[in-house]
Amino acid sequence: MSVLAEERKRIIIEMIARKGKVKVNDLAQNFEVSTETIRRYLEDLESENKLKKVYGGAIKVKVDEEPPMFERNILRIEEKKRIGTKAVSFIQKDDIIFIDEGSTTIQMAHSLTHLSNVTVITNSFPFVALLMKYENNSLFTGDIIFLGGHVNSNHFRASGSLAEQMAKDFYVNKAFISIDGIHPDLGITSFDLEKCMLSKMFMQNCDKAYILTDYSKLHIKATCKIGTLTDQNTFIISDVPQPVEWNNCNLNWISC
């Protein structure tokens, strides 16, 4: 099984955890693969007791559920570390920044210790925990602002209307956004509506937005649209060069 297939299976598990069920046709459209491919994924996941296949899709099971993000190994960790390090290179002293929750954005935390007087606004519990640790060890100098709200225990983040209400009162220099999919026609997307709404607000209230994505998210169409790719203040940071077929899209693409 390829790494890309494993990433798709992980996304399917997360979708079932949030929604309780998935449909074969919807997944095939989102991933741009055949329904036969999706059925093979579901068969594999059912054999691991991660879901239960039903007619036209699959539903959630109550046993042997996927461990939360904070506890499981992060796929493509080396690629995400490179992306995170590259993202921090665009932060300057005294900047005020949004940092979205995600397994790629969290890789930015260590590199922030090389900067001074940066204000970090985030909805990620793991990110706050790391910055508090660095601050207590005199490795981070700056302010930490946590956006409270509805707690998603599976992803260790806060979101929802309360977090959005807090976020809309901040205007920042830069926002760093984690995504589930990026597509030349549909833009940047997420499978989670609450995450999508908060990320969208981050992008609206910043001077520059940086989209952090590894190669596995390319050509993926998730359910909820966060934003477009063609805004001149939006930059994509990836571990791979811009796909050749996207050259006519006039994107601000940064590879590392």
Protein backbone atom coordinates (compact mmCIF):
# COMPACT_ATOMS: atom_id res chain seq x y z
CA MET A 1 0.00 0.00 0.00
CA SER A 2 1.44 3.39 -1.01
CA VAL A 3 1.97 6.28 1.39
CA LEU A 4 -0.74 8.24 -0.44
CA ALA A 5 -3.19 5.38 0.02
CA GLU A 6 -2.39 5.25 3.73
CA GLU A 7 -3.01 9.00 3.99
CA ARG A 8 -6.39 8.60 2.31
CA LYS A 9 -7.29 5.81 4.73
CA ARG A 10 -6.31 8.05 7.64
CA ILE A 11 -8.58 10.79 6.30
CA ILE A 12 -11.44 8.29 5.94
CA ILE A 13 -11.01 7.29 9.59
CA GLU A 14 -11.08 10.93 10.69
CA MET A 15 -14.20 11.61 8.62
CA ILE A 16 -15.99 8.65 10.21
CA ALA A 17 -14.91 9.82 13.66
CA ARG A 18 -16.53 13.21 12.98
CA LYS A 19 -19.58 12.24 10.96
CA GLY A 20 -20.24 8.62 11.99
CA LYS A 21 -20.38 7.44 8.38
CA VAL A 22 -18.95 7.92 4.89
CA LYS A 23 -20.23 7.21 1.38
CA VAL A 24 -18.22 5.46 -1.33
CA ASN A 25 -19.28 7.87 -4.09
CA ASP A 26 -18.42 10.95 -2.04
CA LEU A 27 -14.98 9.58 -1.15
CA ALA A 28 -14.26 8.65 -4.75
CA GLN A 29 -15.11 12.20 -5.84
CA ASN A 30 -13.07 13.83 -3.06
CA PHE A 31 -9.96 11.72 -3.72
CA GLU A 32 -10.45 11.58 -7.52
CA VAL A 33 -10.15 7.78 -7.57
CA SER A 34 -12.48 4.98 -8.62
CA THR A 35 -15.20 3.58 -6.37
CA GLU A 36 -13.40 0.22 -6.57
CA THR A 37 -10.32 1.82 -4.99
CA ILE A 38 -12.44 3.27 -2.18
CA ARG A 39 -14.05 -0.11 -1.53
CA ARG A 40 -10.59 -1.68 -1.19
CA TYR A 41 -9.68 1.01 1.38
CA LEU A 42 -12.86 0.28 3.32
CA GLU A 43 -12.19 -3.46 3.22
CA ASP A 44 -8.69 -2.90 4.61
CA LEU A 45 -10.00 -0.65 7.37
CA GLU A 46 -12.79 -3.06 8.25
CA SER A 47 -10.23 -5.88 8.61
CA GLU A 48 -8.45 -3.65 11.15
CA ASN A 49 -11.75 -2.99 13.02
CA LYS A 50 -11.53 0.73 12.19
CA LEU A 51 -15.00 0.83 10.60
CA LYS A 52 -17.93 -1.32 9.52
CA LYS A 53 -18.84 -1.56 5.85
CA VAL A 54 -22.49 -1.01 4.93
CA TYR A 55 -24.30 -0.68 1.62
CA GLY A 56 -22.84 2.33 -0.20
CA GLY A 57 -20.25 3.20 2.41
CA ALA A 58 -19.14 2.57 5.98
CA ILE A 59 -20.07 3.52 9.54
CA LYS A 60 -18.25 4.04 12.81
CA VAL A 61 -17.48 1.19 15.19
CA LYS A 62 -17.17 1.64 18.93
CA VAL A 63 -14.08 -0.49 19.44
CA ASP A 64 -10.42 -0.08 18.49
CA GLU A 65 -10.87 3.48 17.29
CA GLU A 66 -8.02 5.47 15.78
CA PRO A 67 -5.85 7.09 18.49
CA PRO A 68 -5.94 10.90 18.57
CA MET A 69 -3.47 13.01 16.61
CA PHE A 70 -1.35 13.89 19.63
CA GLU A 71 -0.73 10.21 20.42
CA ARG A 72 -0.08 8.65 17.04
CA ASN A 73 3.02 8.77 14.87
CA ILE A 74 2.91 11.61 12.37
CA LEU A 75 3.10 10.51 8.76
CA ARG A 76 5.82 12.12 6.60
CA ILE A 77 7.40 13.71 9.66
CA GLU A 78 10.63 14.72 7.87
CA GLU A 79 8.73 16.50 5.10
CA LYS A 80 6.56 18.31 7.66
CA LYS A 81 9.61 19.39 9.66
CA ARG A 82 11.10 20.95 6.51
CA ILE A 83 7.85 22.74 5.76
CA GLY A 84 7.56 23.98 9.35
CA THR A 85 11.13 25.28 9.39
CA LYS A 86 10.62 27.03 6.06
CA ALA A 87 7.40 28.63 7.33
CA VAL A 88 9.15 30.13 10.35
CA SER A 89 11.75 31.74 8.06
CA PHE A 90 9.03 34.20 6.97
CA ILE A 91 8.34 35.36 10.55
CA GLN A 92 10.10 38.48 11.76
CA LYS A 93 10.78 39.97 15.17
CA ASP A 94 7.67 41.54 16.74
CA ASP A 95 5.30 39.80 14.32
CA ILE A 96 1.81 38.86 15.48
CA ILE A 97 0.78 35.55 13.91
CA PHE A 98 -2.04 33.03 13.72
CA ILE A 99 -1.00 29.37 13.78
CA ASP A 100 -3.63 26.79 12.88
CA GLU A 101 -3.88 23.37 14.50
CA GLY A 102 -2.27 20.58 12.49
CA SER A 103 0.49 17.99 12.32
CA THR A 104 2.46 20.24 9.94
CA THR A 105 2.00 23.60 11.66
CA ILE A 106 3.08 22.12 14.99
CA GLN A 107 6.51 21.52 13.44
CA MET A 108 6.99 25.30 13.52
CA ALA A 109 7.15 25.41 17.34
CA HIS A 110 10.84 24.54 17.82
CA SER A 111 12.07 27.06 15.23
CA LEU A 112 10.17 29.87 16.97
CA THR A 113 12.76 29.71 19.76
CA HIS A 114 15.17 31.51 17.40
CA LEU A 115 12.93 34.59 17.25
CA SER A 116 12.10 37.25 19.81
CA ASN A 117 8.95 39.13 20.80
CA VAL A 118 6.63 37.13 18.56
CA THR A 119 2.96 36.97 19.54
CA VAL A 120 1.43 33.59 18.72
CA ILE A 121 -2.34 33.19 18.53
CA THR A 122 -3.45 29.58 18.17
CA ASN A 123 -6.25 27.09 18.82
CA SER A 124 -3.89 24.12 19.19
CA PHE A 125 -3.39 22.64 22.67
CA PRO A 126 -0.13 20.85 21.69
CA PHE A 127 1.30 24.06 20.22
CA VAL A 128 0.51 26.02 23.37
CA ALA A 129 1.99 23.26 25.53
CA LEU A 130 5.25 23.32 23.56
CA LEU A 131 5.55 27.11 23.67
CA MET A 132 4.87 27.09 27.43
CA LYS A 133 7.64 24.53 27.86
CA TYR A 134 10.06 26.63 25.80
CA GLU A 135 9.04 29.80 27.65
CA ASN A 136 9.63 28.16 31.05
CA ASN A 137 13.10 27.15 29.85
CA SER A 138 13.81 30.70 28.60
CA LEU A 139 13.85 29.50 24.99
CA PHE A 140 10.82 31.46 23.79
CA THR A 141 10.27 35.17 24.32
CA GLY A 142 6.91 36.45 23.23
CA ASP A 143 3.22 36.30 24.01
CA ILE A 144 0.95 33.26 23.73
CA ILE A 145 -2.78 33.73 23.14
CA PHE A 146 -5.04 30.68 23.12
CA LEU A 147 -8.38 30.79 21.33
CA GLY A 148 -10.89 28.94 23.49
CA GLY A 149 -14.09 27.33 22.30
CA HIS A 150 -15.55 23.93 21.54
CA VAL A 151 -12.90 21.32 22.37
CA ASN A 152 -12.17 18.61 19.80
CA SER A 153 -10.50 15.93 21.93
CA ASN A 154 -9.47 13.83 18.93
CA HIS A 155 -7.41 16.67 17.46
CA PHE A 156 -6.48 18.57 20.64
CA ARG A 157 -7.89 21.85 19.35
CA ALA A 158 -10.57 24.41 20.11
CA SER A 159 -12.93 25.66 17.40
CA GLY A 160 -16.54 26.64 16.85
CA SER A 161 -18.37 29.94 17.32
CA LEU A 162 -16.58 30.94 20.53
CA ALA A 163 -13.12 30.52 18.96
CA GLU A 164 -14.30 32.37 15.85
CA GLN A 165 -15.63 35.22 18.00
CA MET A 166 -12.20 35.60 19.64
CA ALA A 167 -10.30 35.28 16.36
CA LYS A 168 -12.26 37.98 14.56
CA ASP A 169 -11.02 40.61 17.04
CA PHE A 170 -7.37 40.03 16.07
CA TYR A 171 -5.60 41.42 13.01
CA VAL A 172 -2.18 39.87 12.44
CA ASN A 173 0.83 40.05 10.17
CA LYS A 174 0.78 36.41 9.07
CA ALA A 175 -1.38 33.30 9.31
CA PHE A 176 -0.13 29.73 8.93
CA ILE A 177 -2.82 27.32 7.82
CA SER A 178 -2.99 23.52 7.90
CA ILE A 179 -5.22 21.89 5.29
CA ASP A 180 -6.65 18.54 4.13
CA GLY A 181 -6.66 19.21 0.41
CA ILE A 182 -5.39 21.59 -2.27
CA HIS A 183 -6.76 21.63 -5.81
CA PRO A 184 -6.11 24.05 -8.70
CA ASP A 185 -9.83 24.52 -9.37
CA LEU A 186 -11.36 24.25 -5.88
CA GLY A 187 -8.62 25.93 -3.82
CA ILE A 188 -7.72 24.87 -0.28
CA THR A 189 -10.13 22.67 1.62
CA SER A 190 -10.78 20.81 4.87
CA PHE A 191 -12.92 17.84 5.88
CA ASP A 192 -13.95 19.57 9.11
CA LEU A 193 -16.46 22.45 8.93
CA GLU A 194 -15.49 24.03 12.29
CA LYS A 195 -11.80 23.96 11.39
CA CYS A 196 -12.64 25.39 7.97
CA MET A 197 -14.54 28.34 9.42
CA LEU A 198 -11.77 29.24 11.86
CA SER A 199 -9.02 28.87 9.25
CA LYS A 200 -11.03 31.07 6.88
CA MET A 201 -11.23 33.77 9.55
CA PHE A 202 -7.46 33.52 10.13
CA MET A 203 -6.90 34.16 6.42
CA GLN A 204 -9.32 37.09 6.32
CA ASN A 205 -7.66 38.86 9.25
CA CYS A 206 -4.02 38.66 8.18
CA ASP A 207 -1.70 40.56 5.85
CA LYS A 208 -0.23 37.34 4.42
CA ALA A 209 -1.46 33.75 4.60
CA TYR A 210 0.86 30.74 4.30
CA ILE A 211 -0.66 27.38 3.40
CA LEU A 212 1.41 24.45 4.68
CA THR A 213 0.98 21.26 2.66
CA ASP A 214 2.99 18.14 1.90
CA TYR A 215 2.69 16.28 -1.40
CA SER A 216 -0.08 13.94 -0.20
CA LYS A 217 -2.61 16.80 -0.07
CA LEU A 218 -2.13 17.81 -3.73
CA HIS A 219 -5.17 17.21 -5.98
CA ILE A 220 -7.26 16.26 -2.92
CA LYS A 221 -10.77 17.76 -2.82
CA ALA A 222 -12.04 17.90 0.77
CA THR A 223 -15.59 18.83 1.75
CA CYS A 224 -15.32 22.43 2.98
CA LYS A 225 -13.64 25.31 1.15
CA ILE A 226 -11.24 27.47 3.18
CA GLY A 227 -10.08 29.82 0.43
CA THR A 228 -8.70 30.29 -3.07
CA LEU A 229 -5.15 29.88 -4.30
CA THR A 230 -4.92 32.94 -6.53
CA ASP A 231 -4.93 35.69 -3.89
CA GLN A 232 -1.62 37.55 -4.16
CA ASN A 233 -1.32 37.56 -0.36
CA THR A 234 -1.61 33.75 -0.17
CA PHE A 235 1.54 31.62 -0.32
CA ILE A 236 1.81 27.83 -0.53
CA ILE A 237 4.73 26.15 1.25
CA SER A 238 5.29 22.54 0.19
CA ASP A 239 7.95 19.85 0.22
CA VAL A 240 7.61 19.48 -3.56
CA PRO A 241 7.72 21.93 -6.49
CA GLN A 242 4.49 23.26 -7.96
CA PRO A 243 2.93 20.62 -10.26
CA VAL A 244 3.65 21.40 -13.90
CA GLU A 245 -0.04 21.24 -14.77
CA TRP A 246 -0.67 24.07 -12.27
CA ASN A 247 1.77 26.50 -13.94
CA ASN A 248 -1.03 28.57 -15.46
CA CYS A 249 -2.66 29.18 -12.07
CA ASN A 250 -0.39 32.13 -11.15
CA LEU A 251 0.36 30.79 -7.65
CA ASN A 252 2.84 31.97 -5.01
CA TRP A 253 4.47 28.55 -4.57
CA ILE A 254 7.41 28.00 -2.20
CA SER A 255 9.12 24.61 -2.18
CA CYS A 256 11.59 23.40 0.42
